[in-house]
Protein backbone atom coordinates (compact mmCIF):
# COMPACT_ATOMS: atom_id res chain seq x y z
CA MET A 1 67.57 77.10 44.83
CA ASN A 2 65.44 79.80 43.45
CA ASP A 3 65.49 78.91 39.78
CA VAL A 4 61.75 78.88 38.49
CA ARG A 5 62.80 76.12 36.32
CA MET A 6 63.08 73.79 38.88
CA ILE A 7 59.32 73.70 40.05
CA TYR A 8 57.09 71.22 39.43
CA ARG A 9 53.40 70.29 40.36
CA LEU A 10 52.62 66.71 41.88
CA TYR A 11 50.37 65.68 43.88
CA GLY A 12 48.22 69.10 43.99
CA LEU A 13 51.46 70.35 45.65
CA ILE A 14 53.76 72.94 44.24
CA ILE A 15 57.74 71.61 44.79
CA GLN A 16 60.70 73.33 44.45
CA SER A 17 63.80 71.31 43.79
CA ASP A 18 67.62 71.59 43.78
CA PHE A 19 67.26 68.32 41.80
CA LEU A 20 65.80 68.01 37.96
CA LEU A 21 62.99 65.22 38.37
CA ALA A 22 62.76 63.96 35.05
CA GLU A 23 59.33 62.06 36.11
CA ALA A 24 57.36 65.50 36.26
CA GLU A 25 56.91 68.57 34.45
CA GLN A 26 58.40 72.05 35.26
CA VAL A 27 55.84 74.85 35.61
CA HIS A 28 55.84 78.44 35.47
CA HIS A 29 55.93 79.85 39.39
CA ASN A 30 57.41 82.40 40.60
CA GLY A 31 58.82 80.57 44.09
CA SER A 32 56.66 82.20 46.09
CA ASP A 33 53.63 80.26 48.01
CA VAL A 34 55.93 76.72 47.43
CA ASP A 35 53.99 73.76 49.45
CA VAL A 36 57.24 71.69 49.43
CA ARG A 37 61.29 72.30 49.14
CA ILE A 38 63.24 69.44 48.02
CA THR A 39 66.96 70.45 49.02
CA ARG A 40 70.58 69.38 49.37
CA ALA A 41 72.10 69.50 52.50
CA PRO A 42 74.30 67.00 54.88
CA LEU A 43 72.29 64.45 56.87
CA GLU A 44 74.24 62.17 59.33
CA GLU A 45 74.39 58.74 58.36
CA ILE A 46 72.67 56.17 60.36
CA LYS A 47 74.23 53.54 61.75
CA THR A 48 72.49 50.11 61.19
CA THR A 49 72.79 46.47 62.06
CA ASN A 50 69.99 45.10 59.94
CA GLY A 51 71.81 44.90 56.73
CA GLY A 52 68.96 45.79 54.50
CA PHE A 53 68.37 48.44 51.67
CA ARG A 54 66.55 50.72 53.30
CA ASP A 55 66.29 51.96 56.92
CA PHE A 56 63.54 54.05 58.23
CA ARG A 57 63.16 55.80 61.60
CA ILE A 58 61.23 58.59 63.19
CA THR A 59 63.38 61.31 64.80
CA SER A 60 63.03 64.57 66.66
CA GLU A 61 63.89 65.99 62.99
CA GLY A 62 61.47 64.29 61.09
CA ASP A 63 61.19 61.00 59.03
CA LEU A 64 64.69 59.71 57.83
CA PHE A 65 65.61 57.25 55.32
CA GLN A 66 68.78 55.74 54.34
CA PHE A 67 68.95 53.42 51.32
CA THR A 68 72.18 51.50 51.13
CA GLY A 69 74.27 53.05 48.23
CA VAL A 70 72.03 56.15 47.41
CA GLY A 71 71.76 58.38 50.34
CA ARG A 72 69.75 60.11 53.06
CA PHE A 73 66.06 61.62 53.06
CA LEU A 74 64.57 63.49 55.69
CA VAL A 75 60.93 64.62 55.66
CA ARG A 76 60.51 67.45 57.81
CA ASN A 77 57.36 69.52 58.82
CA ALA A 78 55.54 68.14 55.69
CA SER A 79 56.88 70.52 53.68
CA GLU A 80 60.74 70.24 53.24
CA ILE A 81 62.58 66.97 51.94
CA ILE A 82 66.35 67.25 53.03
CA VAL A 83 68.51 64.99 50.36
CA ASP A 84 71.99 63.97 51.15
CA LEU A 85 73.43 61.62 48.13
CA GLU A 86 75.98 59.13 48.13
CA PRO A 87 79.06 60.38 46.10
CA GLY A 88 78.74 58.82 43.05
CA PHE A 89 75.05 58.29 43.04
CA ASP A 90 73.57 59.07 39.72
CA GLU A 91 71.18 61.94 40.37
CA CYS A 92 68.85 60.69 37.21
CA LEU A 93 67.86 58.08 39.51
CA ILE A 94 66.67 60.13 42.64
CA GLY A 95 62.96 59.61 41.25
CA LEU A 96 63.55 55.90 42.52
CA PRO A 97 63.07 56.70 46.31
CA LEU A 98 61.72 60.08 46.11
CA PHE A 99 58.66 59.16 44.07
CA GLY A 100 58.33 56.00 46.19
CA PRO A 101 58.16 55.58 49.79
CA VAL A 102 59.73 59.28 50.61
CA ILE A 103 57.02 60.83 48.75
CA ALA A 104 54.47 58.38 50.32
CA VAL A 105 55.61 59.57 53.87
CA LEU A 106 55.18 63.48 53.09
CA LEU A 107 51.69 63.00 51.85
CA HIS A 108 50.85 60.63 54.76
CA ARG A 109 52.11 63.42 57.37
CA ARG A 110 50.10 66.15 55.25
CA GLY A 111 46.97 64.22 56.38
CA HIS A 112 46.46 61.93 53.08
CA PHE A 113 45.28 58.41 53.28
CA VAL A 114 48.21 57.09 51.26
CA LEU A 115 47.66 53.60 49.34
CA HIS A 116 50.32 51.23 47.90
CA GLY A 117 48.48 50.94 44.44
CA SER A 118 48.04 52.28 41.06
CA SER A 119 44.97 54.36 39.82
CA VAL A 120 43.83 55.51 36.57
CA ILE A 121 40.72 57.46 35.03
CA ILE A 122 37.86 55.45 33.86
CA ASP A 123 34.76 57.58 32.31
CA GLY A 124 36.21 60.70 33.79
CA THR A 125 36.55 59.51 37.51
CA ALA A 126 39.35 57.59 39.71
CA GLN A 127 39.81 53.76 40.27
CA VAL A 128 42.15 52.75 42.40
CA PHE A 129 43.74 49.22 42.23
CA LEU A 130 45.68 47.74 45.15
CA GLY A 131 47.24 44.06 45.57
CA ASP A 132 49.73 42.22 46.83
CA LYS A 133 52.81 40.90 44.94
CA GLY A 134 51.62 38.81 41.84
CA ALA A 135 47.95 39.76 41.92
CA GLY A 136 48.25 41.76 38.81
CA LYS A 137 48.54 45.33 40.07
CA SER A 138 50.91 46.37 37.28
CA THR A 139 49.40 44.13 34.31
CA THR A 140 45.80 45.48 35.20
CA ALA A 141 47.10 49.10 35.28
CA ALA A 142 49.16 48.75 32.26
CA ALA A 143 46.42 46.92 30.06
CA LEU A 144 44.15 50.26 31.18
CA VAL A 145 46.86 52.51 30.18
CA VAL A 146 47.49 50.98 26.99
CA ALA A 147 43.63 51.02 26.33
CA GLY A 148 43.70 54.76 26.57
CA ARG A 149 42.81 55.33 30.33
CA PRO A 150 45.23 58.04 31.76
CA LEU A 151 47.39 57.08 34.47
CA ILE A 152 46.60 58.84 37.56
CA ALA A 153 49.57 57.56 40.01
CA ASP A 154 51.52 54.49 40.04
CA ASP A 155 52.99 52.97 43.68
CA VAL A 156 51.76 55.77 45.80
CA VAL A 157 48.27 56.79 45.67
CA ALA A 158 47.01 59.86 47.97
CA ILE A 159 43.41 59.86 48.75
CA ILE A 160 42.07 62.94 50.11
CA ASN A 161 39.40 63.14 52.58
CA GLU A 162 37.65 66.33 53.56
CA PRO A 163 34.50 67.10 55.43
CA ASP A 164 31.34 67.85 53.06
CA LYS A 165 33.84 67.19 49.83
CA PRO A 166 33.67 64.25 47.46
CA LEU A 167 37.00 61.88 47.87
CA ARG A 168 39.45 62.75 45.21
CA VAL A 169 42.88 61.57 44.34
CA TYR A 170 45.28 63.96 42.93
CA PRO A 171 47.95 62.97 39.83
CA GLY A 172 51.01 61.80 40.89
CA PRO A 173 54.26 61.38 38.18
CA PRO A 174 53.25 59.84 35.02
CA THR A 175 55.51 56.90 35.46
CA MET A 176 55.53 53.40 35.38
CA LYS A 177 57.85 50.50 36.44
CA LEU A 178 57.00 47.87 33.80
CA SER A 179 58.50 44.31 32.84
CA GLN A 180 59.50 43.81 29.74
CA THR A 181 56.29 41.69 28.71
CA LEU A 182 54.27 44.52 29.71
CA LEU A 183 56.54 47.26 27.83
CA ALA A 184 56.35 45.41 24.86
CA ASP A 185 52.51 46.47 24.83
CA PHE A 186 53.03 50.19 24.69
CA SER A 187 53.88 51.73 21.53
CA GLU A 188 57.13 53.52 20.53
CA ASN A 189 55.31 57.15 21.07
CA ALA A 190 53.61 55.98 24.38
CA GLY A 191 56.60 57.56 26.37
CA ARG A 192 60.32 57.31 26.93
CA VAL A 193 62.19 54.93 29.23
CA LEU A 194 63.91 56.70 32.16
CA GLN A 195 65.70 53.63 33.48
CA PRO A 196 65.97 50.21 31.79
CA ASP A 197 65.52 47.02 33.28
CA ASN A 198 69.02 46.49 33.93
CA GLY A 199 69.84 48.68 36.26
CA GLU A 200 71.22 48.46 39.48
CA PHE A 201 68.16 50.04 41.64
CA THR A 202 65.32 49.17 39.07
CA ASN A 203 64.57 45.77 40.34
CA GLY A 204 64.42 44.10 36.38
CA LYS A 205 61.89 46.62 35.57
CA SER A 206 62.16 49.50 33.00
CA ARG A 207 60.49 52.87 34.41
CA LEU A 208 58.28 54.45 31.60
CA ARG A 209 57.85 58.19 31.18
CA LEU A 210 54.12 58.15 29.72
CA ASN A 211 53.42 61.32 27.08
CA GLN A 212 50.84 62.42 29.48
CA ALA A 213 51.12 65.67 31.22
CA ASN A 214 51.22 65.83 35.09
CA GLY A 215 47.48 66.56 35.71
CA SER A 216 46.91 69.69 38.57
CA ARG A 217 42.95 69.04 39.43
CA PRO A 218 42.12 66.33 41.69
CA VAL A 219 39.95 63.47 39.97
CA ILE A 220 37.24 62.51 41.96
CA LEU A 221 37.10 58.80 43.54
CA ASP A 222 34.77 56.41 42.04
CA ARG A 223 35.89 53.03 43.49
CA VAL A 224 38.71 51.16 45.23
CA TYR A 225 39.53 47.71 44.33
CA ALA A 226 41.62 44.79 45.71
CA LEU A 227 42.44 42.38 42.98
CA SER A 228 42.48 38.80 42.66
CA ARG A 229 43.03 36.48 39.71
CA GLY A 230 40.52 33.98 38.04
CA SER A 231 38.52 32.80 34.77
CA GLU A 232 37.00 35.80 34.16
CA ASN A 233 36.47 39.81 35.00
CA ALA A 234 34.34 40.15 38.10
CA ILE A 235 33.16 42.39 40.99
CA LYS A 236 32.42 41.48 44.66
CA ASP A 237 31.27 44.34 46.77
CA TYR A 238 33.00 44.75 50.01
CA THR A 239 31.39 45.22 53.48
CA ALA A 240 32.37 48.43 55.39
CA VAL A 241 34.39 45.84 57.93
CA GLU A 242 36.05 44.28 54.51
CA THR A 243 36.90 47.90 53.39
CA LEU A 244 38.45 48.73 56.12
CA ASN A 245 40.62 45.83 56.41
CA MET A 246 41.71 46.47 52.43
CA LEU A 247 42.42 49.85 53.57
CA ILE A 248 44.80 49.14 56.43
CA ARG A 249 46.04 46.16 54.55
CA PHE A 250 47.24 48.20 51.77
CA SER A 251 47.92 51.30 52.74
CA TYR A 252 51.63 52.45 52.16
CA PHE A 253 52.89 53.75 55.53
CA PRO A 254 52.92 50.48 57.80
CA ARG A 255 55.26 49.08 54.94
CA LEU A 256 58.19 50.92 56.25
CA GLY A 257 58.53 48.70 58.99
CA GLY A 258 59.02 48.77 62.86
CA ALA A 259 59.48 52.41 63.37
CA ALA A 260 56.00 53.16 61.34
CA HIS A 261 54.31 50.59 63.83
CA GLN A 262 54.57 52.82 66.96
CA ALA A 263 51.59 52.97 68.84
CA ASN A 264 51.02 56.19 68.31
CA GLU A 265 51.33 55.90 64.60
CA THR A 266 49.19 52.66 64.84
CA ALA A 267 46.15 54.31 66.30
CA CYS A 268 46.19 57.41 63.81
CA LEU A 269 46.30 55.48 61.16
CA PHE A 270 43.38 53.44 62.47
CA THR A 271 41.41 56.17 63.00
CA LYS A 272 41.99 57.90 59.65
CA ALA A 273 41.06 54.01 58.20
CA VAL A 274 37.90 54.00 59.93
CA ASP A 275 36.92 57.34 58.97
CA LEU A 276 37.55 56.62 55.05
CA ALA A 277 35.95 53.00 55.18
CA GLY A 278 32.63 55.06 55.94
CA ARG A 279 32.80 56.95 53.05
CA ILE A 280 34.60 54.75 50.40
CA ASP A 281 33.18 52.42 47.83
CA ALA A 282 35.11 49.13 47.65
CA GLY A 283 35.14 45.48 46.22
CA CYS A 284 37.13 42.61 44.97
CA LEU A 285 37.88 42.77 41.28
CA THR A 286 38.91 39.70 39.74
CA VAL A 287 41.33 40.02 36.68
CA ALA A 288 41.01 37.33 34.12
CA ASP A 289 44.05 35.72 33.33
CA ASP A 290 42.94 35.31 29.69
CA LEU A 291 44.68 37.88 27.79
CA ASP A 292 41.19 38.53 25.47
CA ALA A 293 39.63 39.11 28.74
CA LEU A 294 42.35 41.46 29.99
CA HIS A 295 41.70 43.45 26.85
CA ARG A 296 38.12 43.79 27.22
CA LEU A 297 38.95 44.73 31.21
CA SER A 298 38.44 48.56 30.51
CA ASP A 299 34.97 48.18 28.99
CA PHE A 300 33.87 45.87 31.57
CA LEU A 301 34.96 48.79 34.47
CA ILE A 302 33.17 51.38 32.38
CA LYS A 303 30.03 49.13 31.92
CA GLU A 304 30.14 48.36 35.82
CA THR A 305 30.45 51.98 36.95
CA SER A 306 27.64 52.94 34.34
CA ASP A 307 25.32 50.22 36.10
CA ALA A 308 26.11 51.44 39.53
CA THR A 309 25.25 54.89 38.84
CA GLN A 310 21.93 53.88 37.34
CA GLY A 311 21.39 51.73 40.19
CA ALA A 312 21.90 54.43 42.56
CA LYS A 313 19.61 56.76 40.99
C-alpha cells in the first residue's frame, strides 16, 4: 500500500503500514526511503502444544510470532513486518502486540539494545526506569508524566549505542497501559483511551494515547534506574558488574522464551550488554510508597541530575 496517509515515524524509523495505527501520528512522506514496511499477507499457522497465548520462533524467514485469537507476525530482514490477523480480530487492537514484543524484536535486530521499561524526559535528558512486576514501574512513569514530564516510550525502550556518539533513546508511541487508579490521576485533556481496561486483550489496564506528539529526534540518555520500593526516594549508584546484570535481567529479547535463549542469540546479547555497561550511568532508584513523596519524585530526580552534573565538573 503506497498511501502517504499511512506513513508514520516511530523509534526514529519511517514506517509504512497497511494498517491504521492509532498509537502514532501520520507524517507527510512520499513513500521513498521507508525504513520499515508493515504489510498484510498470509502466514502459515504455527502448530503448538504449549497452550500459551504467545508462541515465538526463529525461522529461516525471520522472527515469527503467533498470538492466540490475534494472528501471526513475521519480522523479516529487520525492515518488514508481515501481519496475518485472525478473522474477526478487531484491527484497532493491532497495536497491543505490534508495539510490544513485535517492535521490540525488530529494534533488536536493527542493533538497538532493547529494554523492558519506561522512559521520560527530565531536564532535557532521557531517564529510563526498569523493574519487575510490582516494582512500581508504571506508577513511577505515570507520576512523572502527570507532573509534566514528556513520555519517550512505555514498555519498549530502545537505546542506540554508536561509537563516538552519546547514548540516545528514540521516542516510541506516546501510549501508556494504566490501571484505573493511575488513569484517574490524568486530566480529561491528557489524552484519549484507545482501549478500556475490560477489553479481551487489555489485561485489566486501559491504554491511554497521550496528547503529545511522537518525537522525531533522539533524546540523549542520562541514566537508567532499576526500581525498588521503600520509605523514601533514594538513589544508589551501580558498579559496572551491577549495571551489566541489570541490562541482561531487563533486556526485552530473552523474555520471549526458549527460542531467544539459543547460544548464538545469548552470546550476541551478552556482547552488546558488556559494551553498553561500559558506557552507561545506572543505579537503583528507591521510590517511596508514600503518595506525597511520589509526587515529589520529579523534583527529586531533577535535583539529583543537577547535583551529578555539578559534581562531574
